[in-house]
Amino acid sequence: MSGAMRVFVNAAGVDVPRGATAADAVRAWQAAEADAVSAGTRLITDSRGLPIDGGTPLQAGAILRTISNRGADAGDAESAL
C-alpha cells in the first residue's frame, strides 16, 4: 500500500493512511478501544508511556499503547488528552 503506513498499537501492526492520527490508529486496531478512549476510560500513550492527544499525527513505525485512565472522572480524562 503506497498510501499507507505501518504503526503499532498494543504490539499489533496496523496499516493506516498517511496523515492518520493516534485516534485513527487505535480505531483501526480495535473500535471498542477507540470508543473507550473517546469516553475517557482509556488513554493513548506514546512509546515512552506518556499520554498523547488522540489528534496527534503519526509517522510510520509509531508505537502506541492504550492504558486505563485512573483519573477521577471522564472530565479529567478529556483534559489529559
PDB file of N, CA and C in Angstrom:
ATOM      1  N   MET A   1       0.834  -1.184   0.000  1.00  0.00           N
ATOM      2  CA  MET A   1       0.000   0.000   0.000  1.00  0.00           C
ATOM      3  C   MET A   1       0.876   1.243   0.000  1.00  0.00           C
ATOM      4  N   SER A   2       0.917   1.937  -1.097  1.00  0.00           N
ATOM      5  CA  SER A   2       1.779   3.104  -1.178  1.00  0.00           C
ATOM      6  C   SER A   2       1.243   4.269  -0.360  1.00  0.00           C
ATOM      7  N   GLY A   3      -0.086   4.361  -0.167  1.00  0.00           N
ATOM      8  CA  GLY A   3      -0.664   5.453   0.599  1.00  0.00           C
ATOM      9  C   GLY A   3      -0.842   5.113   2.061  1.00  0.00           C
ATOM     10  N   ALA A   4      -0.283   3.988   2.491  1.00  0.00           N
ATOM     11  CA  ALA A   4      -0.463   3.557   3.874  1.00  0.00           C
ATOM     12  C   ALA A   4       0.878   3.484   4.582  1.00  0.00           C
ATOM     13  N   MET A   5       0.793   3.443   5.891  1.00  0.00           N
ATOM     14  CA  MET A   5       1.994   3.266   6.696  1.00  0.00           C
ATOM     15  C   MET A   5       1.667   2.315   7.840  1.00  0.00           C
ATOM     16  N   ARG A   6       2.679   1.639   8.317  1.00  0.00           N
ATOM     17  CA  ARG A   6       2.516   0.679   9.412  1.00  0.00           C
ATOM     18  C   ARG A   6       2.848   1.370  10.721  1.00  0.00           C
ATOM     19  N   VAL A   7       1.916   1.245  11.677  1.00  0.00           N
ATOM     20  CA  VAL A   7       2.136   1.704  13.052  1.00  0.00           C
ATOM     21  C   VAL A   7       1.777   0.542  13.967  1.00  0.00           C
ATOM     22  N   PHE A   8       2.059   0.679  15.236  1.00  0.00           N
ATOM     23  CA  PHE A   8       1.814  -0.408  16.181  1.00  0.00           C
ATOM     24  C   PHE A   8       0.971   0.100  17.338  1.00  0.00           C
ATOM     25  N   VAL A   9      -0.097  -0.638  17.619  1.00  0.00           N
ATOM     26  CA  VAL A   9      -0.979  -0.324  18.731  1.00  0.00           C
ATOM     27  C   VAL A   9      -1.026  -1.554  19.629  1.00  0.00           C
ATOM     28  N   ASN A  10      -0.578  -1.396  20.856  1.00  0.00           N
ATOM     29  CA  ASN A  10      -0.533  -2.525  21.799  1.00  0.00           C
ATOM     30  C   ASN A  10       0.120  -3.746  21.165  1.00  0.00           C
ATOM     31  N   ALA A  11       1.237  -3.528  20.515  1.00  0.00           N
ATOM     32  CA  ALA A  11       2.092  -4.553  19.894  1.00  0.00           C
ATOM     33  C   ALA A  11       1.523  -5.165  18.627  1.00  0.00           C
ATOM     34  N   ALA A  12       0.385  -4.686  18.157  1.00  0.00           N
ATOM     35  CA  ALA A  12      -0.201  -5.209  16.913  1.00  0.00           C
ATOM     36  C   ALA A  12       0.079  -4.234  15.772  1.00  0.00           C
ATOM     37  N   GLY A  13       0.586  -4.750  14.667  1.00  0.00           N
ATOM     38  CA  GLY A  13       0.815  -3.920  13.494  1.00  0.00           C
ATOM     39  C   GLY A  13      -0.503  -3.544  12.846  1.00  0.00           C
ATOM     40  N   VAL A  14      -0.646  -2.259  12.511  1.00  0.00           N
ATOM     41  CA  VAL A  14      -1.862  -1.739  11.893  1.00  0.00           C
ATOM     42  C   VAL A  14      -1.450  -0.864  10.720  1.00  0.00           C
ATOM     43  N   ASP A  15      -2.089  -1.040   9.579  1.00  0.00           N
ATOM     44  CA  ASP A  15      -1.848  -0.173   8.435  1.00  0.00           C
ATOM     45  C   ASP A  15      -2.887   0.934   8.435  1.00  0.00           C
ATOM     46  N   VAL A  16      -2.413   2.174   8.410  1.00  0.00           N
ATOM     47  CA  VAL A  16      -3.287   3.346   8.392  1.00  0.00           C
ATOM     48  C   VAL A  16      -2.833   4.261   7.255  1.00  0.00           C
ATOM     49  N   PRO A  17      -3.728   5.117   6.774  1.00  0.00           N
ATOM     50  CA  PRO A  17      -3.331   6.045   5.711  1.00  0.00           C
ATOM     51  C   PRO A  17      -2.313   7.064   6.224  1.00  0.00           C
ATOM     52  N   ARG A  18      -1.461   7.525   5.350  1.00  0.00           N
ATOM     53  CA  ARG A  18      -0.535   8.595   5.727  1.00  0.00           C
ATOM     54  C   ARG A  18      -1.360   9.784   6.210  1.00  0.00           C
ATOM     55  N   GLY A  19      -0.901  10.432   7.262  1.00  0.00           N
ATOM     56  CA  GLY A  19      -1.630  11.544   7.849  1.00  0.00           C
ATOM     57  C   GLY A  19      -2.601  11.120   8.939  1.00  0.00           C
ATOM     58  N   ALA A  20      -2.656   9.820   9.235  1.00  0.00           N
ATOM     59  CA  ALA A  20      -3.554   9.331  10.281  1.00  0.00           C
ATOM     60  C   ALA A  20      -3.124   9.833  11.649  1.00  0.00           C
ATOM     61  N   THR A  21      -4.085   9.919  12.553  1.00  0.00           N
ATOM     62  CA  THR A  21      -3.822  10.357  13.919  1.00  0.00           C
ATOM     63  C   THR A  21      -3.744   9.146  14.847  1.00  0.00           C
ATOM     64  N   ALA A  22      -3.349   9.418  16.081  1.00  0.00           N
ATOM     65  CA  ALA A  22      -3.288   8.356  17.083  1.00  0.00           C
ATOM     66  C   ALA A  22      -4.666   7.719  17.264  1.00  0.00           C
ATOM     67  N   ALA A  23      -5.715   8.533  17.308  1.00  0.00           N
ATOM     68  CA  ALA A  23      -7.073   8.004  17.459  1.00  0.00           C
ATOM     69  C   ALA A  23      -7.458   7.140  16.257  1.00  0.00           C
ATOM     70  N   ASP A  24      -7.055   7.551  15.054  1.00  0.00           N
ATOM     71  CA  ASP A  24      -7.330   6.751  13.851  1.00  0.00           C
ATOM     72  C   ASP A  24      -6.687   5.379  13.963  1.00  0.00           C
ATOM     73  N   ALA A  25      -5.458   5.341  14.451  1.00  0.00           N
ATOM     74  CA  ALA A  25      -4.732   4.078  14.569  1.00  0.00           C
ATOM     75  C   ALA A  25      -5.391   3.159  15.584  1.00  0.00           C
ATOM     76  N   VAL A  26      -5.798   3.721  16.718  1.00  0.00           N
ATOM     77  CA  VAL A  26      -6.473   2.900  17.729  1.00  0.00           C
ATOM     78  C   VAL A  26      -7.781   2.368  17.162  1.00  0.00           C
ATOM     79  N   ARG A  27      -8.532   3.192  16.446  1.00  0.00           N
ATOM     80  CA  ARG A  27      -9.796   2.749  15.849  1.00  0.00           C
ATOM     81  C   ARG A  27      -9.558   1.653  14.813  1.00  0.00           C
ATOM     82  N   ALA A  28      -8.492   1.775  14.020  1.00  0.00           N
ATOM     83  CA  ALA A  28      -8.180   0.740  13.029  1.00  0.00           C
ATOM     84  C   ALA A  28      -7.817  -0.571  13.709  1.00  0.00           C
ATOM     85  N   TRP A  29      -7.219  -0.472  14.891  1.00  0.00           N
ATOM     86  CA  TRP A  29      -6.835  -1.668  15.637  1.00  0.00           C
ATOM     87  C   TRP A  29      -8.052  -2.308  16.285  1.00  0.00           C
ATOM     88  N   GLN A  30      -8.838  -1.498  16.995  1.00  0.00           N
ATOM     89  CA  GLN A  30      -9.981  -2.044  17.729  1.00  0.00           C
ATOM     90  C   GLN A  30     -10.965  -0.906  18.016  1.00  0.00           C
ATOM     91  N   ALA A  31     -12.110  -0.943  17.363  1.00  0.00           N
ATOM     92  CA  ALA A  31     -13.102   0.130  17.502  1.00  0.00           C
ATOM     93  C   ALA A  31     -13.570   0.304  18.940  1.00  0.00           C
ATOM     94  N   ALA A  32     -13.756  -0.778  19.664  1.00  0.00           N
ATOM     95  CA  ALA A  32     -14.224  -0.677  21.050  1.00  0.00           C
ATOM     96  C   ALA A  32     -13.202   0.052  21.923  1.00  0.00           C
ATOM     97  N   GLU A  33     -11.932  -0.153  21.650  1.00  0.00           N
ATOM     98  CA  GLU A  33     -10.889   0.535  22.416  1.00  0.00           C
ATOM     99  C   GLU A  33     -10.904   2.029  22.088  1.00  0.00           C
ATOM    100  N   ALA A  34     -11.116   2.367  20.826  1.00  0.00           N
ATOM    101  CA  ALA A  34     -11.213   3.773  20.436  1.00  0.00           C
ATOM    102  C   ALA A  34     -12.419   4.429  21.106  1.00  0.00           C
ATOM    103  N   ASP A  35     -13.520   3.697  21.215  1.00  0.00           N
ATOM    104  CA  ASP A  35     -14.706   4.222  21.914  1.00  0.00           C
ATOM    105  C   ASP A  35     -14.387   4.479  23.384  1.00  0.00           C
ATOM    106  N   ALA A  36     -13.614   3.590  24.007  1.00  0.00           N
ATOM    107  CA  ALA A  36     -13.226   3.762  25.410  1.00  0.00           C
ATOM    108  C   ALA A  36     -12.331   4.986  25.576  1.00  0.00           C
ATOM    109  N   VAL A  37     -11.450   5.240  24.605  1.00  0.00           N
ATOM    110  CA  VAL A  37     -10.611   6.442  24.646  1.00  0.00           C
ATOM    111  C   VAL A  37     -11.505   7.674  24.533  1.00  0.00           C
ATOM    112  N   SER A  38     -12.451   7.642  23.617  1.00  0.00           N
ATOM    113  CA  SER A  38     -13.375   8.779  23.457  1.00  0.00           C
ATOM    114  C   SER A  38     -14.193   9.021  24.718  1.00  0.00           C
ATOM    115  N   ALA A  39     -14.557   7.941  25.406  1.00  0.00           N
ATOM    116  CA  ALA A  39     -15.344   8.046  26.636  1.00  0.00           C
ATOM    117  C   ALA A  39     -14.502   8.484  27.834  1.00  0.00           C
ATOM    118  N   GLY A  40     -13.174   8.424  27.691  1.00  0.00           N
ATOM    119  CA  GLY A  40     -12.291   8.844  28.774  1.00  0.00           C
ATOM    120  C   GLY A  40     -11.896   7.753  29.743  1.00  0.00           C
ATOM    121  N   THR A  41     -12.276   6.509  29.471  1.00  0.00           N
ATOM    122  CA  THR A  41     -11.895   5.422  30.376  1.00  0.00           C
ATOM    123  C   THR A  41     -10.543   4.820  30.028  1.00  0.00           C
ATOM    124  N   ARG A  42     -10.041   5.103  28.822  1.00  0.00           N
ATOM    125  CA  ARG A  42      -8.718   4.659  28.391  1.00  0.00           C
ATOM    126  C   ARG A  42      -7.965   5.863  27.845  1.00  0.00           C
ATOM    127  N   LEU A  43      -6.638   5.807  27.907  1.00  0.00           N
ATOM    128  CA  LEU A  43      -5.765   6.845  27.369  1.00  0.00           C
ATOM    129  C   LEU A  43      -4.844   6.246  26.325  1.00  0.00           C
ATOM    130  N   ILE A  44      -4.394   7.068  25.385  1.00  0.00           N
ATOM    131  CA  ILE A  44      -3.382   6.663  24.409  1.00  0.00           C
ATOM    132  C   ILE A  44      -2.046   7.194  24.903  1.00  0.00           C
ATOM    133  N   THR A  45      -1.028   6.341  24.877  1.00  0.00           N
ATOM    134  CA  THR A  45       0.316   6.777  25.240  1.00  0.00           C
ATOM    135  C   THR A  45       1.266   6.523  24.079  1.00  0.00           C
ATOM    136  N   ASP A  46       2.390   7.242  24.111  1.00  0.00           N
ATOM    137  CA  ASP A  46       3.429   7.014  23.107  1.00  0.00           C
ATOM    138  C   ASP A  46       4.329   5.869  23.572  1.00  0.00           C
ATOM    139  N   SER A  47       5.385   5.639  22.849  1.00  0.00           N
ATOM    140  CA  SER A  47       6.280   4.515  23.160  1.00  0.00           C
ATOM    141  C   SER A  47       6.968   4.656  24.509  1.00  0.00           C
ATOM    142  N   ARG A  48       7.007   5.885  25.041  1.00  0.00           N
ATOM    143  CA  ARG A  48       7.630   6.115  26.352  1.00  0.00           C
ATOM    144  C   ARG A  48       6.629   5.992  27.495  1.00  0.00           C
ATOM    145  N   GLY A  49       5.352   5.808  27.145  1.00  0.00           N
ATOM    146  CA  GLY A  49       4.317   5.710  28.161  1.00  0.00           C
ATOM    147  C   GLY A  49       3.719   7.049  28.551  1.00  0.00           C
ATOM    148  N   LEU A  50       4.028   8.093  27.787  1.00  0.00           N
ATOM    149  CA  LEU A  50       3.486   9.420  28.076  1.00  0.00           C
ATOM    150  C   LEU A  50       2.172   9.607  27.338  1.00  0.00           C
ATOM    151  N   PRO A  51       1.134  10.110  28.007  1.00  0.00           N
ATOM    152  CA  PRO A  51      -0.157  10.326  27.338  1.00  0.00           C
ATOM    153  C   PRO A  51      -0.007  11.293  26.164  1.00  0.00           C
ATOM    154  N   ILE A  52      -0.710  10.992  25.083  1.00  0.00           N
ATOM    155  CA  ILE A  52      -0.720  11.880  23.922  1.00  0.00           C
ATOM    156  C   ILE A  52      -2.162  12.134  23.512  1.00  0.00           C
ATOM    157  N   ASP A  53      -2.372  13.236  22.843  1.00  0.00           N
ATOM    158  CA  ASP A  53      -3.680  13.602  22.329  1.00  0.00           C
ATOM    159  C   ASP A  53      -4.051  12.676  21.176  1.00  0.00           C
ATOM    160  N   GLY A  54      -5.318  12.308  21.089  1.00  0.00           N
ATOM    161  CA  GLY A  54      -5.782  11.448  20.000  1.00  0.00           C
ATOM    162  C   GLY A  54      -5.605  12.073  18.629  1.00  0.00           C
ATOM    163  N   GLY A  55      -5.500  13.395  18.566  1.00  0.00           N
ATOM    164  CA  GLY A  55      -5.320  14.082  17.291  1.00  0.00           C
ATOM    165  C   GLY A  55      -3.877  14.191  16.836  1.00  0.00           C
ATOM    166  N   THR A  56      -2.964  13.596  17.579  1.00  0.00           N
ATOM    167  CA  THR A  56      -1.545  13.654  17.224  1.00  0.00           C
ATOM    168  C   THR A  56      -1.294  12.926  15.911  1.00  0.00           C
ATOM    169  N   PRO A  57      -0.713  13.607  14.905  1.00  0.00           N
ATOM    170  CA  PRO A  57      -0.386  12.928  13.646  1.00  0.00           C
ATOM    171  C   PRO A  57       0.732  11.906  13.864  1.00  0.00           C
ATOM    172  N   LEU A  58       0.650  10.809  13.148  1.00  0.00           N
ATOM    173  CA  LEU A  58       1.633   9.733  13.313  1.00  0.00           C
ATOM    174  C   LEU A  58       2.602   9.673  12.156  1.00  0.00           C
ATOM    175  N   GLN A  59       3.742   9.063  12.427  1.00  0.00           N
ATOM    176  CA  GLN A  59       4.719   8.730  11.397  1.00  0.00           C
ATOM    177  C   GLN A  59       4.815   7.216  11.325  1.00  0.00           C
ATOM    178  N   ALA A  60       5.283   6.718  10.193  1.00  0.00           N
ATOM    179  CA  ALA A  60       5.447   5.271  10.041  1.00  0.00           C
ATOM    180  C   ALA A  60       6.308   4.727  11.171  1.00  0.00           C
ATOM    181  N   GLY A  61       5.890   3.598  11.715  1.00  0.00           N
ATOM    182  CA  GLY A  61       6.636   2.957  12.786  1.00  0.00           C
ATOM    183  C   GLY A  61       6.274   3.416  14.185  1.00  0.00           C
ATOM    184  N   ALA A  62       5.326   4.351  14.289  1.00  0.00           N
ATOM    185  CA  ALA A  62       4.920   4.844  15.611  1.00  0.00           C
ATOM    186  C   ALA A  62       4.449   3.682  16.483  1.00  0.00           C
ATOM    187  N   ILE A  63       4.735   3.791  17.765  1.00  0.00           N
ATOM    188  CA  ILE A  63       4.330   2.780  18.739  1.00  0.00           C
ATOM    189  C   ILE A  63       3.398   3.444  19.738  1.00  0.00           C
ATOM    190  N   LEU A  64       2.186   2.917  19.824  1.00  0.00           N
ATOM    191  CA  LEU A  64       1.185   3.441  20.742  1.00  0.00           C
ATOM    192  C   LEU A  64       0.732   2.337  21.680  1.00  0.00           C
ATOM    193  N   ARG A  65       0.304   2.756  22.837  1.00  0.00           N
ATOM    194  CA  ARG A  65      -0.308   1.822  23.781  1.00  0.00           C
ATOM    195  C   ARG A  65      -1.551   2.479  24.333  1.00  0.00           C
ATOM    196  N   THR A  66      -2.518   1.667  24.732  1.00  0.00           N
ATOM    197  CA  THR A  66      -3.668   2.200  25.440  1.00  0.00           C
ATOM    198  C   THR A  66      -3.604   1.684  26.869  1.00  0.00           C
ATOM    199  N   ILE A  67      -3.960   2.565  27.790  1.00  0.00           N
ATOM    200  CA  ILE A  67      -3.901   2.214  29.206  1.00  0.00           C
ATOM    201  C   ILE A  67      -5.182   2.678  29.888  1.00  0.00           C
ATOM    202  N   SER A  68      -5.443   2.118  31.032  1.00  0.00           N
ATOM    203  CA  SER A  68      -6.587   2.527  31.829  1.00  0.00           C
ATOM    204  C   SER A  68      -6.374   3.955  32.317  1.00  0.00           C
ATOM    205  N   ASN A  69      -7.428   4.750  32.269  1.00  0.00           N
ATOM    206  CA  ASN A  69      -7.355   6.106  32.807  1.00  0.00           C
ATOM    207  C   ASN A  69      -7.730   6.031  34.274  1.00  0.00           C
ATOM    208  N   ARG A  70      -6.768   6.276  35.118  1.00  0.00           N
ATOM    209  CA  ARG A  70      -7.006   6.196  36.555  1.00  0.00           C
ATOM    210  C   ARG A  70      -7.451   7.529  37.130  1.00  0.00           C
ATOM    211  N   GLY A  71      -7.796   8.484  36.243  1.00  0.00           N
ATOM    212  CA  GLY A  71      -8.281   9.788  36.692  1.00  0.00           C
ATOM    213  C   GLY A  71      -9.604   9.652  37.422  1.00  0.00           C
ATOM    214  N   ALA A  72      -9.972  10.695  38.126  1.00  0.00           N
ATOM    215  CA  ALA A  72     -11.175  10.656  38.958  1.00  0.00           C
ATOM    216  C   ALA A  72     -12.456  10.539  38.138  1.00  0.00           C
ATOM    217  N   ASP A  73     -12.539  11.247  37.008  1.00  0.00           N
ATOM    218  CA  ASP A  73     -13.757  11.166  36.197  1.00  0.00           C
ATOM    219  C   ASP A  73     -13.430  11.491  34.750  1.00  0.00           C
ATOM    220  N   ALA A  74     -14.411  11.294  33.867  1.00  0.00           N
ATOM    221  CA  ALA A  74     -14.199  11.494  32.436  1.00  0.00           C
ATOM    222  C   ALA A  74     -13.842  12.944  32.118  1.00  0.00           C
ATOM    223  N   GLY A  75     -14.297  13.913  32.905  1.00  0.00           N
ATOM    224  CA  GLY A  75     -13.931  15.297  32.680  1.00  0.00           C
ATOM    225  C   GLY A  75     -12.444  15.512  32.827  1.00  0.00           C
ATOM    226  N   ASP A  76     -11.823  14.861  33.819  1.00  0.00           N
ATOM    227  CA  ASP A  76     -10.375  14.940  33.988  1.00  0.00           C
ATOM    228  C   ASP A  76      -9.668  14.264  32.832  1.00  0.00           C
ATOM    229  N   ALA A  77     -10.252  13.193  32.298  1.00  0.00           N
ATOM    230  CA  ALA A  77      -9.633  12.443  31.202  1.00  0.00           C
ATOM    231  C   ALA A  77      -9.535  13.316  29.958  1.00  0.00           C
ATOM    232  N   GLU A  78     -10.556  14.103  29.686  1.00  0.00           N
ATOM    233  CA  GLU A  78     -10.535  14.950  28.499  1.00  0.00           C
ATOM    234  C   GLU A  78      -9.402  15.964  28.570  1.00  0.00           C
ATOM    235  N   SER A  79      -9.126  16.490  29.748  1.00  0.00           N
ATOM    236  CA  SER A  79      -8.047  17.458  29.859  1.00  0.00           C
ATOM    237  C   SER A  79      -6.683  16.790  29.724  1.00  0.00           C
ATOM    238  N   ALA A  80      -6.604  15.477  29.990  1.00  0.00           N
ATOM    239  CA  ALA A  80      -5.334  14.754  29.872  1.00  0.00           C
ATOM    240  C   ALA A  80      -5.016  14.415  28.428  1.00  0.00           C
ATOM    241  N   LEU A  81      -6.045  14.406  27.570  1.00  0.00           N
ATOM    242  CA  LEU A  81      -5.812  14.057  26.168  1.00  0.00           C
ATOM    243  C   LEU A  81      -5.326  15.250  25.472  1.00  0.00           C
TER     244      LEU A  81
END
